Protein backbone atom coordinates (compact mmCIF):
# COMPACT_ATOMS: atom_id res chain seq x y z
CA MET A 1 4.13 13.74 4.73
CA ARG A 2 6.09 13.56 1.31
CA ASN A 3 4.67 16.19 -0.41
CA SER A 4 5.78 15.18 -4.17
CA ARG A 5 5.70 11.67 -5.78
CA ILE A 6 5.74 10.34 -9.18
CA ARG A 7 2.35 8.03 -9.45
CA MET A 8 2.20 6.79 -13.04
CA SER A 9 4.15 3.98 -14.10
CA GLU A 10 5.39 5.78 -17.65
CA ALA A 11 7.07 8.53 -15.33
CA VAL A 12 9.04 5.79 -13.50
CA MET A 13 9.96 4.36 -16.90
CA GLY A 14 11.21 7.65 -18.10
CA TRP A 15 13.41 7.97 -14.93
CA LEU A 16 14.74 4.43 -15.71
CA ALA A 17 15.69 5.16 -19.35
CA LEU A 18 17.86 8.17 -18.63
CA SER A 19 21.25 7.68 -20.49
CA ALA A 20 20.35 3.91 -20.81
CA PRO A 21 21.11 2.14 -23.99
CA THR A 22 19.90 -1.77 -24.47
CA VAL A 23 21.77 -4.72 -24.39
CA SER A 24 22.53 -6.69 -27.62
CA GLY A 25 20.11 -9.50 -28.29
CA PRO A 26 16.35 -9.94 -28.11
CA GLN A 27 14.12 -8.97 -25.44
CA THR A 28 13.52 -12.00 -23.09
CA PRO A 29 9.82 -12.44 -21.48
CA LEU A 30 9.80 -13.68 -17.88
CA PRO A 31 9.76 -17.25 -17.74
CA GLN A 32 6.58 -18.73 -16.28
CA ASP A 33 7.61 -21.87 -14.78
CA PRO A 34 11.36 -22.33 -14.82
CA GLY A 35 12.99 -25.35 -13.46
CA ARG A 36 13.44 -25.56 -9.70
CA GLU A 37 17.28 -24.83 -8.81
CA PRO A 38 18.78 -25.69 -5.64
CA GLN A 39 17.84 -23.29 -2.63
CA ALA A 40 19.93 -21.52 0.29
CA ASP A 41 19.06 -20.72 3.45
CA ARG A 42 19.15 -16.65 4.40
CA GLN A 43 22.94 -15.50 4.92
CA THR A 44 23.99 -13.46 7.59
CA LEU A 45 26.53 -11.06 7.32
CA GLU A 46 29.87 -11.36 9.89
CA PRO A 47 30.69 -8.58 11.61
CA GLY A 48 33.64 -6.66 9.98
CA SER A 49 36.35 -4.19 10.81
CA ARG A 50 35.40 -0.41 10.40
CA HIS A 51 38.45 0.59 8.46
CA THR A 52 40.02 -2.10 6.35
CA LEU A 53 38.46 -2.97 2.83
CA GLU A 54 38.58 -6.92 3.69
CA LEU A 55 36.39 -9.15 1.83
CA GLY A 56 34.98 -11.99 4.29
CA GLY A 57 35.02 -14.35 1.28
CA SER A 58 38.73 -14.14 1.33
CA LYS A 59 38.82 -16.11 4.61
CA GLY A 60 36.50 -18.57 3.33
CA THR A 61 33.11 -17.06 4.25
CA ALA A 62 32.04 -16.21 0.61
CA SER A 63 28.04 -15.75 0.59
CA ALA A 64 26.97 -18.68 -1.98
CA PRO A 65 24.45 -17.61 -4.53
CA ILE A 66 20.79 -17.59 -3.20
CA VAL A 67 17.63 -18.39 -5.35
CA SER A 68 14.52 -18.64 -3.35
CA GLY A 69 11.13 -19.63 -3.96
CA ARG A 70 8.74 -19.11 -7.23
CA ALA A 71 9.83 -15.44 -7.65
CA GLY A 72 13.54 -16.09 -7.08
CA GLU A 73 13.52 -18.83 -9.51
CA ARG A 74 11.85 -16.72 -12.26
CA ILE A 75 14.05 -13.97 -11.67
CA ASP A 76 17.05 -16.01 -11.93
CA ALA A 77 15.85 -17.57 -14.86
CA TYR A 78 15.14 -14.25 -16.56
CA LEU A 79 18.64 -12.72 -15.65
CA GLN A 80 20.29 -15.85 -16.94
CA ALA A 81 18.29 -15.29 -20.35
CA ARG A 82 19.38 -11.77 -20.42
CA SER A 83 23.04 -12.67 -19.45
CA ALA A 84 23.06 -14.87 -22.91
CA GLY A 85 22.07 -11.22 -24.53
CA GLY A 86 24.82 -9.29 -23.08
CA PHE A 87 23.87 -8.57 -19.48
CA SER A 88 26.61 -8.77 -16.87
CA GLY A 89 26.42 -7.85 -13.05
CA THR A 90 25.25 -8.88 -9.62
CA ALA A 91 21.35 -8.47 -8.32
CA MET A 92 20.31 -8.72 -4.79
CA ILE A 93 16.37 -8.93 -4.20
CA VAL A 94 14.97 -8.93 -0.55
CA ARG A 95 11.26 -9.41 0.21
CA GLN A 96 9.98 -8.89 3.65
CA ASP A 97 13.47 -9.04 4.84
CA LYS A 98 14.21 -12.43 3.31
CA ILE A 99 16.82 -12.97 0.58
CA ILE A 100 14.77 -13.92 -2.81
CA LEU A 101 17.88 -13.84 -4.88
CA GLN A 102 21.47 -13.06 -4.34
CA LYS A 103 23.55 -13.72 -7.52
CA GLY A 104 26.24 -12.82 -10.06
CA TYR A 105 25.53 -13.34 -13.77
CA GLY A 106 28.31 -12.92 -16.57
CA MET A 107 31.83 -11.66 -16.31
CA ALA A 108 33.60 -9.37 -13.79
CA ASP A 109 36.70 -9.77 -15.92
CA ARG A 110 36.46 -11.28 -18.97
CA ALA A 111 40.31 -11.46 -19.87
CA LYS A 112 40.85 -13.62 -16.80
CA ASN A 113 37.38 -15.29 -17.03
CA ILE A 114 36.12 -14.27 -13.48
CA ALA A 115 32.45 -14.28 -12.97
CA ASN A 116 30.64 -11.65 -11.35
CA THR A 117 29.33 -13.01 -7.58
CA PRO A 118 27.37 -11.38 -4.78
CA GLU A 119 30.62 -10.10 -3.43
CA THR A 120 31.76 -8.55 -6.66
CA VAL A 121 32.64 -4.77 -6.29
CA PHE A 122 31.64 -2.14 -8.71
CA GLU A 123 31.88 1.35 -8.70
CA ILE A 124 28.60 3.08 -8.33
CA ALA A 125 28.68 6.53 -9.27
CA SER A 126 25.71 8.74 -8.51
CA LEU A 127 24.34 6.03 -6.02
CA SER A 128 27.06 7.49 -3.64
CA LYS A 129 24.98 10.22 -3.13
CA GLN A 130 22.92 8.78 -0.60
CA PHE A 131 26.07 8.24 1.56
CA THR A 132 26.96 11.95 1.24
CA ALA A 133 23.38 12.84 2.47
CA ALA A 134 23.53 10.46 5.36
CA ALA A 135 26.86 11.58 6.35
CA VAL A 136 25.32 15.55 6.47
CA PHE A 137 22.29 14.01 8.53
CA LEU A 138 24.55 12.12 11.04
CA LEU A 139 26.23 15.44 11.55
CA ALA A 140 23.20 17.16 12.15
CA GLN A 141 22.14 14.60 14.63
CA ASP A 142 25.68 15.35 16.46
CA GLY A 143 24.99 18.94 16.75
CA LYS A 144 28.14 19.55 14.28
CA LEU A 145 25.82 21.56 11.58
CA LYS A 146 22.19 22.21 10.65
CA VAL A 147 20.69 20.96 7.54
CA ASP A 148 19.26 24.58 7.13
CA ASP A 149 22.81 26.33 7.75
CA ARG A 150 23.85 28.36 4.43
CA MET A 151 26.74 26.88 2.69
CA ALA A 152 28.62 29.94 3.62
CA ASP A 153 28.55 29.17 7.13
CA HIS A 154 30.84 26.42 6.82
CA LEU A 155 32.70 26.93 3.59
CA GLU A 156 35.04 30.34 3.05
CA GLY A 157 34.96 32.16 0.20
CA VAL A 158 31.44 31.61 -1.37
CA PRO A 159 30.39 34.43 -3.66
CA GLN A 160 27.69 36.86 -3.32
CA GLN A 161 25.03 35.26 -5.75
CA PHE A 162 25.27 32.10 -3.82
CA SER A 163 25.32 33.41 -0.20
CA ASP A 164 21.81 32.24 0.39
CA VAL A 165 22.17 28.66 -0.57
CA THR A 166 21.75 26.48 2.24
CA ILE A 167 22.99 22.86 2.66
CA TYR A 168 19.41 21.58 2.36
CA HIS A 169 19.53 23.30 -1.04
CA LEU A 170 22.51 21.26 -2.20
CA LEU A 171 21.13 18.03 -0.87
CA THR A 172 17.73 18.50 -2.82
CA HIS A 173 19.38 20.01 -5.97
CA THR A 174 17.55 23.28 -5.57
CA SER A 175 20.80 25.59 -4.99
CA GLY A 176 20.73 26.96 -8.53
CA LEU A 177 24.22 25.65 -9.02
CA PRO A 178 24.80 23.85 -12.43
CA SER A 179 25.42 20.31 -12.99
CA ALA A 180 29.23 20.27 -13.05
CA SER A 181 32.01 22.62 -13.57
CA GLY A 182 35.44 22.31 -15.35
CA ALA A 183 36.98 23.36 -12.09
CA LEU A 184 36.18 20.19 -10.15
CA ARG A 185 39.64 18.83 -10.36
CA GLY A 186 42.10 18.20 -7.81
CA MET A 187 41.88 18.24 -3.91
CA ASP A 188 42.31 22.09 -3.14
CA LEU A 189 39.03 23.36 -1.95
CA ALA A 190 40.38 26.85 -1.92
CA ARG A 191 40.94 26.74 -5.59
CA VAL A 192 38.15 24.62 -6.51
CA LEU A 193 35.32 26.67 -4.79
CA PRO A 194 36.11 30.21 -6.12
CA GLU A 195 36.19 28.74 -9.66
CA ALA A 196 33.37 26.41 -9.79
CA LEU A 197 30.98 28.95 -8.02
CA ARG A 198 32.10 31.76 -10.83
CA CYS A 199 28.84 31.41 -12.62
CA THR A 200 25.18 32.93 -12.94
CA PRO A 201 22.74 31.01 -10.39
CA LEU A 202 20.28 28.75 -12.55
CA ALA A 203 17.35 29.83 -10.45
CA PRO A 204 16.93 31.44 -6.78
CA PRO A 205 17.84 29.01 -4.27
CA GLY A 206 14.98 26.84 -3.13
CA GLU A 207 12.86 27.34 -6.27
CA GLU A 208 13.60 25.18 -9.02
CA TYR A 209 15.33 21.72 -9.13
CA HIS A 210 18.32 21.37 -11.09
CA TYR A 211 20.57 18.18 -10.77
CA SER A 212 23.83 19.33 -9.70
CA ASN A 213 26.99 16.87 -9.05
CA LEU A 214 28.75 20.28 -8.43
CA GLY A 215 26.48 20.69 -5.05
CA TYR A 216 27.24 17.21 -3.86
CA ALA A 217 31.01 17.79 -4.23
CA LEU A 218 30.72 21.05 -2.07
CA LEU A 219 28.83 18.86 0.56
CA SER A 220 31.61 16.33 0.80
CA SER A 221 33.79 19.61 2.01
CA ILE A 222 31.04 20.71 4.59
CA VAL A 223 31.45 17.37 6.05
CA GLU A 224 34.98 17.85 6.52
CA GLN A 225 34.48 21.26 7.98
CA ALA A 226 31.97 20.07 10.46
CA SER A 227 33.60 16.70 11.34
CA GLY A 228 37.36 17.71 11.19
CA MET A 229 37.96 14.55 9.36
CA ARG A 230 38.60 13.56 5.56
CA PHE A 231 35.35 12.90 4.08
CA GLU A 232 36.29 9.42 3.10
CA GLU A 233 37.63 8.90 6.61
CA PHE A 234 34.49 9.96 7.99
CA CYS A 235 32.25 7.77 5.81
CA HIS A 236 34.44 4.73 6.81
CA LYS A 237 34.16 5.54 10.46
CA ARG A 238 30.50 6.70 10.88
CA LEU A 239 28.73 4.99 7.95
CA PHE A 240 30.61 1.76 6.42
CA GLY A 241 32.04 0.75 9.74
CA PRO A 242 28.79 0.16 11.68
CA ALA A 243 26.90 -1.03 8.81
CA GLU A 244 29.53 -3.75 8.47
CA MET A 245 30.52 -2.88 5.05
CA LYS A 246 33.49 -4.96 4.75
CA SER A 247 34.46 -4.23 0.96
CA THR A 248 33.22 -0.99 0.75
CA GLY A 249 35.51 2.10 -0.13
CA PHE A 250 36.46 4.81 -2.67
CA CYS A 251 38.21 5.25 -5.92
CA GLY A 252 41.65 6.15 -5.34
CA GLU A 253 41.90 4.03 -2.44
CA THR A 254 43.96 0.66 -2.18
CA LEU A 255 41.20 -1.77 -3.39
CA GLU A 256 43.78 -4.94 -3.55
CA GLY A 257 42.19 -8.18 -2.89
CA LEU A 258 38.82 -7.28 -3.56
CA PRO A 259 36.96 -8.87 -6.43
CA LEU A 260 36.75 -5.82 -8.69
CA ALA A 261 34.27 -5.86 -11.53
CA LEU A 262 35.90 -4.21 -14.58
CA GLY A 263 33.31 -2.01 -16.28
CA TYR A 264 32.62 -2.69 -20.24
CA SER A 265 31.18 -0.12 -22.63
CA GLY A 266 29.73 -0.21 -25.78
CA SER A 267 30.65 3.78 -26.64
CA GLY A 268 34.02 3.25 -27.17
CA MET A 269 35.01 6.20 -25.15
CA HIS A 270 38.55 7.43 -24.68
CA GLY A 271 39.78 5.42 -27.65
CA ARG A 272 38.85 2.14 -26.24
CA VAL A 273 37.51 -0.77 -28.29
CA PRO A 274 33.75 -0.75 -27.46
CA ASN A 275 32.91 -3.83 -25.10
CA VAL A 276 36.43 -5.04 -25.35
CA ASP A 277 38.73 -2.52 -23.39
CA PRO A 278 37.57 -2.38 -19.92
CA TYR A 279 37.56 0.22 -17.75
CA ALA A 280 38.51 -0.06 -13.90
CA PRO A 281 37.39 2.31 -11.11
CA ALA A 282 38.98 5.68 -11.20
CA ASP A 283 42.43 6.11 -9.58
CA GLN A 284 41.77 9.24 -7.97
CA PHE A 285 39.07 10.59 -5.80
CA GLY A 286 39.25 14.53 -6.40
CA PHE A 287 36.46 17.06 -6.65
CA GLU A 288 35.68 15.15 -10.19
CA TYR A 289 34.17 12.45 -7.70
CA ARG A 290 33.90 13.60 -4.07
CA GLY A 291 30.65 13.52 -2.69
CA MET A 292 28.73 13.06 -5.95
CA GLY A 293 30.05 9.56 -6.87
CA GLY A 294 33.33 7.17 -6.56
CA VAL A 295 31.95 4.68 -3.97
CA CYS A 296 32.88 1.13 -4.70
CA THR A 297 30.85 -1.20 -3.16
CA SER A 298 29.10 -4.64 -3.62
CA ALA A 299 25.56 -5.86 -3.49
CA ILE A 300 26.23 -7.70 -0.20
CA ASP A 301 27.48 -4.51 1.41
CA LEU A 302 24.51 -2.48 -0.01
CA LEU A 303 22.23 -5.14 1.85
CA ALA A 304 23.86 -4.41 5.06
CA TRP A 305 23.53 -0.58 4.45
CA GLU A 306 19.96 -1.16 3.82
CA ARG A 307 19.45 -2.94 7.33
CA VAL A 308 20.93 -0.02 8.76
CA LEU A 309 18.50 2.23 6.87
CA GLN A 310 15.82 0.10 8.18
CA SER A 311 16.78 0.39 11.95
CA ASP A 312 17.11 3.49 14.01
CA ASN A 313 20.52 2.78 15.06
CA LEU A 314 22.48 5.18 12.91
CA LEU A 315 19.98 7.71 12.02
CA ASN A 316 16.91 8.22 13.98
CA ARG A 317 13.31 8.34 12.86
CA GLU A 318 13.05 12.22 12.65
CA THR A 319 16.27 12.38 10.89
CA LYS A 320 15.17 9.75 8.21
CA GLU A 321 11.55 11.27 7.66
CA ARG A 322 13.35 14.70 6.45
CA LEU A 323 16.14 12.62 4.49
CA PHE A 324 13.48 10.82 2.58
CA THR A 325 11.08 13.63 1.82
CA PRO A 326 10.91 15.00 -1.57
CA TYR A 327 11.20 19.07 -1.84
CA LYS A 328 10.90 19.78 -5.13
CA GLY A 329 9.37 17.17 -7.63
CA ASN A 330 10.25 13.54 -6.62
CA TYR A 331 13.92 14.28 -5.21
CA ALA A 332 14.65 14.28 -1.75
CA CYS A 333 18.03 14.04 -0.18
CA GLY A 334 20.31 11.84 -2.31
CA TRP A 335 17.17 9.72 -2.98
CA GLU A 336 14.39 9.92 -5.47
CA VAL A 337 10.99 8.94 -4.08
CA PHE A 338 7.88 7.80 -6.31
CA ARG A 339 5.11 5.52 -6.36
CA PHE A 340 4.21 2.68 -8.78
CA SER A 341 0.82 2.58 -10.50
CA ASP A 342 -0.08 -0.27 -7.89
CA GLY A 343 0.65 2.36 -5.01
CA ARG A 344 3.77 1.08 -3.83
CA GLU A 345 6.17 3.84 -2.68
CA CYS A 346 9.98 3.31 -3.80
CA ILE A 347 13.03 5.29 -2.66
CA GLY A 348 15.77 4.85 -5.15
CA HIS A 349 18.73 6.32 -6.94
CA GLY A 350 21.01 4.75 -9.77
CA GLY A 351 24.24 5.61 -10.91
CA ASP A 352 26.22 5.46 -14.29
CA VAL A 353 29.84 5.99 -15.19
CA ARG A 354 32.47 4.67 -17.67
CA GLY A 355 30.96 0.94 -18.26
CA TYR A 356 29.38 0.87 -14.71
CA HIS A 357 25.71 1.19 -14.38
CA CYS A 358 23.41 0.27 -11.13
CA LYS A 359 20.16 1.05 -9.30
CA MET A 360 18.93 0.58 -5.70
CA TRP A 361 15.17 0.71 -5.05
CA ARG A 362 14.14 0.38 -1.46
CA PHE A 363 10.32 -0.49 -0.18
CA PRO A 364 10.34 0.27 3.37
CA ASP A 365 6.64 -0.54 3.95
CA ASP A 366 7.66 -4.00 2.71
CA SER A 367 11.25 -4.45 4.17
CA SER A 368 12.09 -5.02 0.47
CA ILE A 369 14.93 -3.63 -2.02
CA ILE A 370 15.92 -4.32 -5.39
CA VAL A 371 19.76 -3.80 -6.20
CA VAL A 372 21.12 -4.47 -9.69
CA LEU A 373 24.77 -3.56 -10.04
CA SER A 374 26.05 -4.02 -13.76
CA ASN A 375 29.42 -3.68 -15.40
CA ASN A 376 28.01 -3.49 -19.01
CA THR A 377 25.52 -1.45 -20.64
CA PHE A 378 22.22 -2.75 -20.01
CA ASP A 379 18.40 -1.97 -20.38
CA TYR A 380 16.96 -0.51 -17.70
CA GLY A 381 13.67 -2.13 -18.27
CA ILE A 382 15.25 -4.95 -16.61
CA LEU A 383 14.10 -3.36 -13.05
CA ILE A 384 10.31 -3.30 -13.99
CA VAL A 385 10.38 -6.78 -14.75
CA LEU A 386 12.25 -7.61 -11.50
CA TYR A 387 9.76 -5.55 -9.69
CA GLU A 388 6.78 -7.42 -11.35
CA ALA A 389 8.14 -10.70 -10.49
CA LEU A 390 8.94 -9.78 -6.90
CA PHE A 391 5.52 -8.16 -6.04
CA ASP A 392 3.09 -10.01 -8.33
CA THR A 393 3.99 -13.55 -7.80
CA GLY A 394 3.83 -15.53 -4.73
CA THR A 395 6.99 -16.85 -2.98
C-alpha cells in the first residue's frame, strides 16, 4: 500500500507551479466544439537499435500527428490557441492505451523555421531521475546491489556523518544531503565525493524529505560501481535499448541527425536576449548533470518507455511496487505520487532547465499518460486543462 498521497487539487496546483512563469498572452478557455480535423490510426513504434541514437523518421517512418476523438480535438484546439500565445512544444496524450493526441506546436528552431513534431528531442532535466531510479532497481533485480545497502558499501570515501545513508534514502530524497554542491563538476568521483559531502546533514537519514540533486548524482556512480559500466552505457543497454527508445541519449553525446528543439527562456540568463537567443542541450555530462538530469528524448520515446513500465518485462511487479511507493510525503523513487480530487492516482515528475520544461503524468489504473515537452516558458496549469479534457470528456 502506498502510505502518503496528496489528495487535494490545490496541492497538485502547488506542485505544478514550482518555478513556472506563465506564457505571454491571454488565458485561453478550453474549446467546447472545435471543428473536426482529420484523424489518424494509432501508430506502432518500429524496433530500434539498442545503442544508436537514430531517428526512425529519418528513414521515412516519421510518426504523423494524431488527433483522435472528441477529447483529442478539444485538446488540440486548446493547445493551438496556447501556441498563438507563446507555448511551443510537443504533447503526447494516451487514454486506455490509445493515442488521443500526438502532436507538436510552435517552433523547435525559430531561426531556421523548424516546427516541433512528435519526434522532436528535448532536454528533460529532472524527469531524467526516473531512469536513474529504474537503473538502480534493475541492478537490484540482477542481485548486484540491494536498495537498502548503505551508500558507503558501494562508494569509497563517504564521511562518517553520511555513513548510514542508504541507496533508498538517496532515491527518496531522505538522505539529509543538500540539494546541490559547487563540487559537482567534471567526472572525477574521487575528487567530487569528499568535496560534495563536506557538509552537515540537513536531517538524520530517513527522517525528513529534502530534494537533493546531489543524491541522484551519487546514485549514478553507484550504478557504475555495481554494473561495471559507465552510467550512460548501462542506460542505453539495459533501459533505452529494450524500450526501443531510438532517439534518446544524454547531454554531451553526439546527437547529430536528431531533430533537437532549442530552448528559449524569458529570463535572459547568461547574457542572452530573452526569448531570442536559444539554448541547446548541454555539451557535457559531468556530475553537474549525471543521475539528476541530462537525458534528451522525445514524446514518442517516452510513450515507448511508458509501455515498458506498464509491462513486467523489464521491472517485475514486486520491484515496481516499491519503486512507485512514496516514503516521505508524496515522493517515491524518482517519481511523485498523488491523487486528484476525483480520486484518480497519478505518478508523475517534471523538469526545468535553461528554456526546457516538461511534465509526465502516468495513470496506470487507466493505462493513460499525459506528456508535455516544451522549449519555451509555459504555464503548468495547462496540464490541469489537459487532464480535465482527457478524463471528463468522452472520446
